[in-house]
Protein backbone atom coordinates (compact mmCIF):
# COMPACT_ATOMS: atom_id res chain seq x y z
CA UNK A 1 177.48 -31.42 -128.44
CA UNK A 2 180.18 -33.05 -126.37
CA UNK A 3 182.63 -35.39 -128.08
CA UNK A 4 184.00 -37.95 -125.65
CA UNK A 5 186.82 -40.31 -126.60
CA UNK A 6 188.89 -43.12 -125.20
CA UNK A 7 191.86 -45.03 -126.51
CA UNK A 8 192.52 -48.74 -126.34
CA UNK A 9 194.83 -51.27 -127.89
CA UNK A 10 195.25 -54.92 -128.75
CA UNK A 11 197.90 -57.14 -130.30
CA UNK A 12 197.07 -59.57 -133.07
CA UNK A 13 198.29 -61.23 -136.24
CA UNK A 14 196.68 -61.11 -139.66
CA UNK A 15 197.38 -61.44 -143.34
CA UNK A 16 195.71 -59.91 -146.36
CA UNK A 17 194.55 -62.42 -148.95
CA UNK A 18 195.61 -61.63 -152.52
CA UNK A 19 197.68 -58.62 -151.39
CA UNK A 20 200.52 -57.93 -153.86
CA UNK A 21 203.34 -57.74 -151.32
CA UNK A 22 204.62 -58.67 -147.86
CA UNK A 23 201.26 -58.17 -146.14
CA UNK A 24 200.02 -61.36 -147.79
CA UNK A 25 202.18 -63.25 -145.27
CA UNK A 26 201.10 -63.49 -141.65
CA UNK A 27 202.42 -60.64 -139.54
CA UNK A 28 201.41 -58.83 -136.39
CA UNK A 29 200.59 -55.37 -135.12
CA UNK A 30 200.06 -53.62 -131.84
CA UNK A 31 196.83 -51.95 -132.90
CA UNK A 32 195.74 -48.65 -131.34
CA UNK A 33 192.02 -47.90 -131.31
CA UNK A 34 190.32 -44.60 -130.54
CA UNK A 35 186.55 -44.39 -130.07
CA UNK A 36 184.64 -41.09 -130.12
CA UNK A 37 181.03 -40.72 -129.04
CA UNK A 38 178.77 -37.70 -128.97
CA UNK A 39 176.43 -36.62 -126.19
CA UNK A 40 173.98 -33.75 -126.55
CA UNK A 41 173.24 -33.69 -122.82
CA UNK A 42 175.06 -34.47 -119.62
CA UNK A 43 173.62 -36.59 -116.85
CA UNK A 44 172.90 -35.50 -113.27
CA UNK A 45 176.62 -35.51 -112.42
CA UNK A 46 177.59 -33.61 -115.60
CA UNK A 47 178.95 -36.60 -117.53
CA UNK A 48 177.95 -37.66 -121.05
CA UNK A 49 179.17 -41.24 -120.54
CA UNK A 50 181.57 -42.52 -117.93
CA UNK A 51 185.00 -43.22 -119.44
CA UNK A 52 184.98 -46.57 -117.61
CA UNK A 53 181.70 -47.56 -119.27
CA UNK A 54 182.97 -46.60 -122.70
CA UNK A 55 186.24 -48.46 -122.10
CA UNK A 56 184.32 -51.55 -120.92
CA UNK A 57 182.22 -51.49 -124.10
CA UNK A 58 185.34 -51.14 -126.26
CA UNK A 59 187.21 -53.96 -124.58
CA UNK A 60 184.19 -56.24 -124.85
CA UNK A 61 184.97 -56.08 -128.60
CA UNK A 62 188.78 -55.90 -128.49
CA UNK A 63 189.14 -58.87 -126.14
CA UNK A 64 187.80 -61.11 -128.91
CA UNK A 65 190.60 -59.93 -131.23
CA UNK A 66 193.51 -59.68 -128.81
CA UNK A 67 196.33 -62.21 -129.29
CA UNK A 68 194.59 -64.00 -132.14
CA UNK A 69 195.05 -64.52 -135.83
CA UNK A 70 192.26 -62.17 -136.92
CA UNK A 71 191.77 -64.15 -140.13
CA UNK A 72 190.36 -66.97 -137.96
CA UNK A 73 187.68 -64.71 -136.44
CA UNK A 74 184.19 -65.46 -137.83
CA UNK A 75 183.77 -61.85 -139.00
CA UNK A 76 186.86 -62.14 -141.22
CA UNK A 77 186.50 -65.59 -142.75
CA UNK A 78 185.32 -64.07 -146.04
CA UNK A 79 186.82 -60.58 -145.97
CA UNK A 80 190.31 -59.33 -145.34
CA UNK A 81 191.04 -58.09 -141.82
CA UNK A 82 192.42 -54.81 -143.12
CA UNK A 83 192.52 -51.74 -140.90
CA UNK A 84 189.47 -50.50 -142.80
CA UNK A 85 187.45 -53.63 -142.07
CA UNK A 86 188.63 -53.75 -138.45
CA UNK A 87 187.49 -50.17 -137.89
CA UNK A 88 184.12 -50.98 -139.48
CA UNK A 89 183.73 -54.17 -137.40
CA UNK A 90 184.56 -52.42 -134.11
CA UNK A 91 182.19 -49.58 -134.99
CA UNK A 92 179.28 -51.91 -135.74
CA UNK A 93 179.82 -54.00 -132.62
CA UNK A 94 180.02 -50.90 -130.43
CA UNK A 95 176.89 -49.44 -132.02
CA UNK A 96 174.90 -52.42 -130.76
CA UNK A 97 176.10 -51.99 -127.18
CA UNK A 98 175.92 -48.22 -126.99
CA UNK A 99 172.50 -47.85 -128.62
CA UNK A 100 171.10 -50.52 -126.31
CA UNK A 101 172.66 -49.43 -123.01
CA UNK A 102 173.30 -45.67 -123.23
CA UNK A 103 170.46 -43.39 -124.23
CA UNK A 104 171.54 -40.08 -125.71
CA UNK A 105 175.06 -41.29 -126.60
CA UNK A 106 175.88 -41.73 -130.28
CA UNK A 107 178.95 -43.43 -131.66
CA UNK A 108 180.65 -40.94 -133.99
CA UNK A 109 183.80 -42.69 -135.19
CA UNK A 110 186.32 -45.42 -134.64
CA UNK A 111 189.98 -44.90 -135.47
CA UNK A 112 192.24 -47.94 -135.92
CA UNK A 113 196.02 -47.58 -136.33
CA UNK A 114 198.29 -50.47 -137.15
CA UNK A 115 201.36 -48.25 -136.71
CA UNK A 116 201.77 -44.85 -135.04
CA UNK A 117 201.86 -43.25 -138.50
CA UNK A 118 199.13 -45.15 -140.38
CA UNK A 119 195.48 -45.78 -139.66
CA UNK A 120 191.85 -45.54 -140.67
CA UNK A 121 188.81 -43.70 -139.35
CA UNK A 122 185.38 -45.27 -139.88
CA UNK A 123 182.08 -43.47 -139.34
CA UNK A 124 178.58 -43.56 -140.73
CA UNK A 125 176.70 -40.46 -141.77
């Protein structure tokens, strides 16, 4: 299997409801996102998925988060926009696009980092 990845980023504010500390107040991050897909086979030009196509799919999700207060996003009205929930949200949104448009490509994991030294990886078994 081939594992193909791209990296993206977005900037946004958020706050964590009921958090016992500073993160309960609104603050911002420059979020880094890494998406990894798997491809068992390559196409006629020896590519599993074009990096541009994967990047386009990722940014179709990230553009809805960029330069917003993530707490105002419909997906986060009732749950905290933690790194864990952001990784899960991005994963689920990408699954819809990739499974519909790219046969033979499977989303493996989404990594979301709110700082260079701290982040989360979400995947489904």
